[in-house]
Amino acid sequence: MKITKSMITAACLASCLSAGSMSLAGKAFANISPVKVVDNVKVNKSNKSVQESGHVKKVAAGETFEITLEENASTGYSWSYAADGDTLELIAEKSKYPEQTDPPMVGVASQKTWTFKATKAGTYTLKFTYTQAWEKDQKPAQTVNYTIQVNKQGANGSKAAKQQPLAVLKTGKVNTVKAGQPFHVKLEENTTTGYSWSYDINSNAVNLIAEENRFPAPINVDGAPGEKIWTFKAKKAGTYTLKFTYIQSWEKEQKPAQTVTYTVKVN
């Protein structure tokens, strides 16, 4: 085959374009910016490792408090935390995603919220690090330190109210709880099938206070089911019904693949 000058020119141009694309992709991945500290509405735009301290939360012993940070799992990064001792008890962990668009937005950041309970007075530290889970020895892209000051009494000088234990609902029975006592439902969910849980409550006296998704470790196992946990609280006495249905959200008229019903009696 005769090689012409135009063929050589085309080959050179293709090589240059390929190299340029790889260079741009490499720069884009390298410039992953540290994320937002939602509690303080602060954004860090540097692509260097960032350490933040000076975040202080004051609570009373027995009370709960929340810490919220922005997280973008599409970068491979996620938050983990360490506490100095077992005085700060993790109550709930949930992720809040932006509303889906059509077509769905890819790579959009979510907000992750941890709810802790301070069990006794003292000053404690919570350290959050933003890393890629498979890189155990890497330097975190971001570190956020919180100082938690736990007082013996509430802000009004009275002792903090004792919080009621979390109740876990069961099917096939009447679940009894007290007014104001949190209770939760935990169901297995596999969003890779297109199915997800939705629920309906026969009264507005029952309020959703937390919703959490838990995934198996490692999180990047394709097709592995996770768990979804809803935490509710009833404002007044009565008997209520919570009905959960497992359907594909775009098939409004289809018969649910699964239905679970819970009865709750609130005293």
Protein backbone atom coordinates (compact mmCIF):
# COMPACT_ATOMS: atom_id res chain seq x y z
CA MET A 1 0.00 0.00 0.00
CA LYS A 2 1.30 3.43 -0.93
CA ILE A 3 1.64 5.77 2.06
CA THR A 4 0.72 9.32 1.12
CA LYS A 5 1.57 12.60 2.79
CA SER A 6 -2.08 13.13 3.80
CA MET A 7 -2.14 9.76 5.58
CA ILE A 8 0.95 10.68 7.65
CA THR A 9 -0.59 14.05 8.57
CA ALA A 10 -3.84 12.42 9.73
CA ALA A 11 -1.96 9.90 11.90
CA CYS A 12 0.04 12.67 13.59
CA LEU A 13 -3.08 14.69 14.28
CA ALA A 14 -4.86 11.68 15.86
CA SER A 15 -1.87 11.01 18.11
CA CYS A 16 -1.77 14.61 19.32
CA LEU A 17 -5.50 14.64 20.08
CA SER A 18 -5.23 11.38 22.05
CA ALA A 19 -2.31 12.66 24.11
CA GLY A 20 -4.12 15.91 24.82
CA SER A 21 -7.25 14.08 26.01
CA MET A 22 -5.22 11.93 28.39
CA SER A 23 -3.48 15.00 29.76
CA LEU A 24 -6.76 16.81 30.37
CA ALA A 25 -8.30 13.77 32.07
CA GLY A 26 -5.28 13.42 34.32
CA LYS A 27 -5.49 17.08 35.33
CA ALA A 28 -9.21 16.82 36.03
CA PHE A 29 -8.72 13.85 38.35
CA ALA A 30 -5.74 15.43 40.09
CA ASN A 31 -7.66 18.65 40.83
CA ILE A 32 -10.40 17.10 42.96
CA SER A 33 -11.15 19.88 45.42
CA PRO A 34 -11.83 19.34 49.10
CA VAL A 35 -15.52 19.52 49.83
CA LYS A 36 -17.87 21.70 51.80
CA VAL A 37 -18.13 21.77 55.57
CA VAL A 38 -21.89 22.20 55.56
CA ASP A 39 -22.13 23.02 59.26
CA ASN A 40 -20.08 26.16 58.72
CA VAL A 41 -21.06 26.91 55.10
CA LYS A 42 -17.40 26.98 54.17
CA VAL A 43 -15.95 25.87 50.83
CA ASN A 44 -12.27 25.06 50.26
CA LYS A 45 -11.15 25.47 46.66
CA SER A 46 -7.52 24.40 46.99
CA ASN A 47 -6.54 21.02 45.58
CA LYS A 48 -4.02 20.51 48.39
CA SER A 49 -4.59 18.48 51.52
CA VAL A 50 -6.63 20.65 53.89
CA GLN A 51 -6.86 20.46 57.67
CA GLU A 52 -9.54 22.33 59.57
CA SER A 53 -9.87 22.78 63.31
CA GLY A 54 -11.75 25.11 65.58
CA HIS A 55 -15.23 23.73 64.93
CA VAL A 56 -16.89 23.65 68.37
CA LYS A 57 -20.26 22.20 69.34
CA LYS A 58 -21.80 22.65 72.79
CA VAL A 59 -24.42 20.17 73.99
CA ALA A 60 -25.86 18.86 77.24
CA ALA A 61 -25.23 15.34 78.49
CA GLY A 62 -27.90 13.00 77.14
CA GLU A 63 -28.68 15.20 74.13
CA THR A 64 -28.03 14.41 70.47
CA PHE A 65 -26.25 16.57 67.91
CA GLU A 66 -25.55 16.39 64.18
CA ILE A 67 -22.51 16.94 61.96
CA THR A 68 -23.05 17.36 58.21
CA LEU A 69 -20.35 17.26 55.52
CA GLU A 70 -20.53 17.26 51.74
CA GLU A 71 -19.41 14.04 50.03
CA ASN A 72 -18.99 13.04 46.38
CA ALA A 73 -18.73 9.26 46.00
CA SER A 74 -18.20 9.56 42.22
CA THR A 75 -14.62 10.71 42.97
CA GLY A 76 -13.94 7.59 45.03
CA TYR A 77 -13.65 9.70 48.19
CA SER A 78 -15.76 9.26 51.33
CA TRP A 79 -15.72 10.43 54.95
CA SER A 80 -14.76 8.36 57.98
CA TYR A 81 -14.41 9.50 61.58
CA ALA A 82 -12.65 8.68 64.82
CA ALA A 83 -13.69 9.69 68.35
CA ASP A 84 -11.52 9.82 71.45
CA GLY A 85 -13.37 7.31 73.60
CA ASP A 86 -16.89 5.88 73.60
CA THR A 87 -18.67 8.85 75.19
CA LEU A 88 -19.97 10.09 71.82
CA GLU A 89 -22.36 7.38 70.64
CA LEU A 90 -23.35 7.19 66.95
CA ILE A 91 -27.16 7.14 66.71
CA ALA A 92 -27.74 7.47 62.96
CA GLU A 93 -25.89 8.03 59.69
CA LYS A 94 -27.67 9.16 56.54
CA SER A 95 -26.95 10.60 53.10
CA LYS A 96 -29.09 13.21 51.38
CA TYR A 97 -28.93 13.32 47.60
CA PRO A 98 -30.12 16.15 45.34
CA GLU A 99 -33.40 15.67 43.53
CA GLN A 100 -33.00 13.63 40.35
CA THR A 101 -33.24 15.39 37.02
CA ASP A 102 -34.06 14.04 33.57
CA PRO A 103 -31.53 12.93 32.43
CA PRO A 104 -30.00 12.09 35.87
CA MET A 105 -27.04 14.23 36.94
CA VAL A 106 -23.83 12.22 37.25
CA GLY A 107 -21.13 13.13 39.77
CA VAL A 108 -23.31 15.44 41.87
CA ALA A 109 -22.27 15.75 45.51
CA SER A 110 -24.49 14.64 48.39
CA GLN A 111 -24.63 15.61 52.05
CA LYS A 112 -23.77 13.10 54.76
CA THR A 113 -25.08 13.58 58.29
CA TRP A 114 -24.00 11.77 61.46
CA THR A 115 -26.16 11.96 64.59
CA PHE A 116 -24.32 11.43 67.88
CA LYS A 117 -25.44 11.25 71.49
CA ALA A 118 -23.23 12.67 74.23
CA THR A 119 -23.52 10.33 77.21
CA LYS A 120 -21.60 12.29 79.87
CA ALA A 121 -20.02 15.67 80.54
CA GLY A 122 -16.53 16.50 79.29
CA THR A 123 -14.63 17.80 76.26
CA TYR A 124 -14.11 15.40 73.37
CA THR A 125 -12.76 15.38 69.82
CA LEU A 126 -14.26 14.04 66.60
CA LYS A 127 -11.86 13.78 63.66
CA PHE A 128 -13.28 13.34 60.15
CA THR A 129 -11.02 12.36 57.22
CA TYR A 130 -11.86 12.41 53.49
CA THR A 131 -10.05 9.57 51.70
CA GLN A 132 -10.40 6.88 49.06
CA ALA A 133 -11.26 3.70 50.98
CA TRP A 134 -8.87 1.45 49.03
CA GLU A 135 -5.87 3.75 49.66
CA LYS A 136 -5.14 2.98 53.31
CA ASP A 137 -1.79 4.78 53.47
CA GLN A 138 -2.63 7.90 51.50
CA LYS A 139 -2.74 11.39 53.02
CA PRO A 140 -6.38 12.53 53.42
CA ALA A 141 -7.62 15.09 50.91
CA GLN A 142 -9.31 16.85 53.81
CA THR A 143 -9.43 16.61 57.60
CA VAL A 144 -12.03 18.30 59.80
CA ASN A 145 -11.73 18.35 63.58
CA TYR A 146 -14.63 19.06 65.92
CA THR A 147 -14.36 19.85 69.62
CA ILE A 148 -17.48 18.69 71.46
CA GLN A 149 -18.12 20.38 74.80
CA VAL A 150 -20.66 18.38 76.81
CA ASN A 151 -22.19 20.09 79.85
CA LYS A 152 -23.98 18.46 82.77
CA GLN A 153 -27.01 20.69 82.32
CA GLY A 154 -28.96 22.16 79.44
CA ALA A 155 -28.79 25.79 78.38
CA ASN A 156 -31.75 26.69 80.65
CA GLY A 157 -30.00 25.31 83.73
CA SER A 158 -32.18 22.21 84.00
CA LYS A 159 -30.88 18.71 83.61
CA ALA A 160 -31.05 17.30 80.09
CA ALA A 161 -34.12 15.17 79.51
CA LYS A 162 -33.46 11.46 79.39
CA GLN A 163 -33.89 10.27 75.81
CA GLN A 164 -36.07 7.25 75.19
CA PRO A 165 -34.54 4.16 73.59
CA LEU A 166 -34.96 3.49 69.87
CA ALA A 167 -37.63 0.87 69.12
CA VAL A 168 -37.34 -1.53 66.16
CA LEU A 169 -40.67 -2.35 64.51
CA LYS A 170 -41.66 -5.95 63.71
CA THR A 171 -44.34 -7.28 61.39
CA GLY A 172 -47.21 -9.51 62.49
CA LYS A 173 -47.65 -7.82 65.87
CA VAL A 174 -48.71 -4.55 67.45
CA ASN A 175 -45.58 -2.55 68.26
CA THR A 176 -45.99 -0.45 71.42
CA VAL A 177 -44.02 2.77 71.93
CA LYS A 178 -44.38 5.96 73.95
CA ALA A 179 -45.29 9.35 72.51
CA GLY A 180 -42.06 11.04 71.44
CA GLN A 181 -40.10 7.77 71.41
CA PRO A 182 -38.22 7.22 68.12
CA PHE A 183 -38.77 3.94 66.27
CA HIS A 184 -37.39 2.60 63.01
CA VAL A 185 -38.01 0.24 60.13
CA LYS A 186 -35.15 -1.59 58.38
CA LEU A 187 -35.61 -3.28 54.99
CA GLU A 188 -33.25 -4.74 52.38
CA GLU A 189 -33.13 -2.77 49.13
CA ASN A 190 -31.29 -3.32 45.82
CA THR A 191 -31.49 -0.22 43.65
CA THR A 192 -29.54 -1.93 40.82
CA THR A 193 -32.76 -3.82 40.00
CA GLY A 194 -34.68 -0.57 39.61
CA TYR A 195 -36.76 -1.34 42.69
CA SER A 196 -36.94 0.84 45.80
CA TRP A 197 -39.12 1.17 48.90
CA SER A 198 -41.77 3.80 49.44
CA TYR A 199 -44.12 4.13 52.40
CA ASP A 200 -47.52 5.45 53.39
CA ILE A 201 -48.75 6.37 56.89
CA ASN A 202 -52.41 6.68 57.83
CA SER A 203 -51.83 9.77 59.99
CA ASN A 204 -49.74 12.94 59.98
CA ALA A 205 -49.13 12.43 63.71
CA VAL A 206 -46.19 10.18 62.73
CA ASN A 207 -43.18 12.08 61.38
CA LEU A 208 -40.07 10.87 59.55
CA ILE A 209 -36.98 12.17 61.40
CA ALA A 210 -34.17 10.29 59.59
CA GLU A 211 -33.60 8.17 56.48
CA GLU A 212 -30.41 6.21 55.96
CA ASN A 213 -28.88 3.94 53.31
CA ARG A 214 -26.35 1.31 54.35
CA PHE A 215 -24.26 -0.55 51.81
CA PRO A 216 -22.03 -3.61 52.20
CA ALA A 217 -18.25 -3.17 52.35
CA PRO A 218 -16.65 -2.64 49.91
CA ILE A 219 -19.29 -0.19 48.67
CA ASN A 220 -18.35 -0.65 45.01
CA VAL A 221 -19.60 -4.26 44.69
CA ASP A 222 -21.94 -4.14 41.70
CA GLY A 223 -25.42 -5.53 42.33
CA ALA A 224 -24.96 -6.08 46.06
CA PRO A 225 -28.10 -5.24 48.07
CA GLY A 226 -28.03 -2.66 50.82
CA GLU A 227 -30.30 -1.74 53.70
CA LYS A 228 -32.62 1.23 54.03
CA ILE A 229 -33.57 2.49 57.46
CA TRP A 230 -36.35 4.95 58.31
CA THR A 231 -36.64 6.50 61.78
CA PHE A 232 -40.01 7.91 62.87
CA LYS A 233 -41.50 9.63 65.88
CA ALA A 234 -45.18 9.90 66.88
CA LYS A 235 -46.34 13.16 68.44
CA LYS A 236 -49.43 11.85 70.21
CA ALA A 237 -51.12 8.66 71.43
CA GLY A 238 -53.01 6.48 68.98
CA THR A 239 -52.73 3.40 66.76
CA TYR A 240 -51.08 3.91 63.37
CA THR A 241 -50.32 1.84 60.28
CA LEU A 242 -47.15 2.11 58.17
CA LYS A 243 -47.31 0.39 54.79
CA PHE A 244 -44.12 -0.12 52.76
CA THR A 245 -44.19 -1.13 49.07
CA TYR A 246 -41.28 -2.30 46.90
CA ILE A 247 -41.75 -1.10 43.31
CA GLN A 248 -40.00 0.39 40.31
CA SER A 249 -40.71 4.10 40.64
CA TRP A 250 -41.51 4.62 36.93
CA GLU A 251 -44.17 1.89 36.96
CA LYS A 252 -46.94 3.61 38.91
CA GLU A 253 -49.68 1.11 38.03
CA GLN A 254 -47.75 -2.12 38.54
CA LYS A 255 -48.37 -4.54 41.40
CA PRO A 256 -45.66 -4.18 44.10
CA ALA A 257 -43.03 -6.91 44.22
CA GLN A 258 -43.36 -6.85 48.00
CA THR A 259 -45.56 -5.20 50.64
CA VAL A 260 -44.78 -4.92 54.37
CA THR A 261 -47.18 -3.48 56.96
CA TYR A 262 -46.40 -2.35 60.52
CA THR A 263 -48.90 -1.49 63.28
CA VAL A 264 -47.74 0.94 65.96
CA LYS A 265 -49.62 1.70 69.18
CA VAL A 266 -48.45 4.92 70.81
CA ASN A 267 -49.24 5.41 74.52
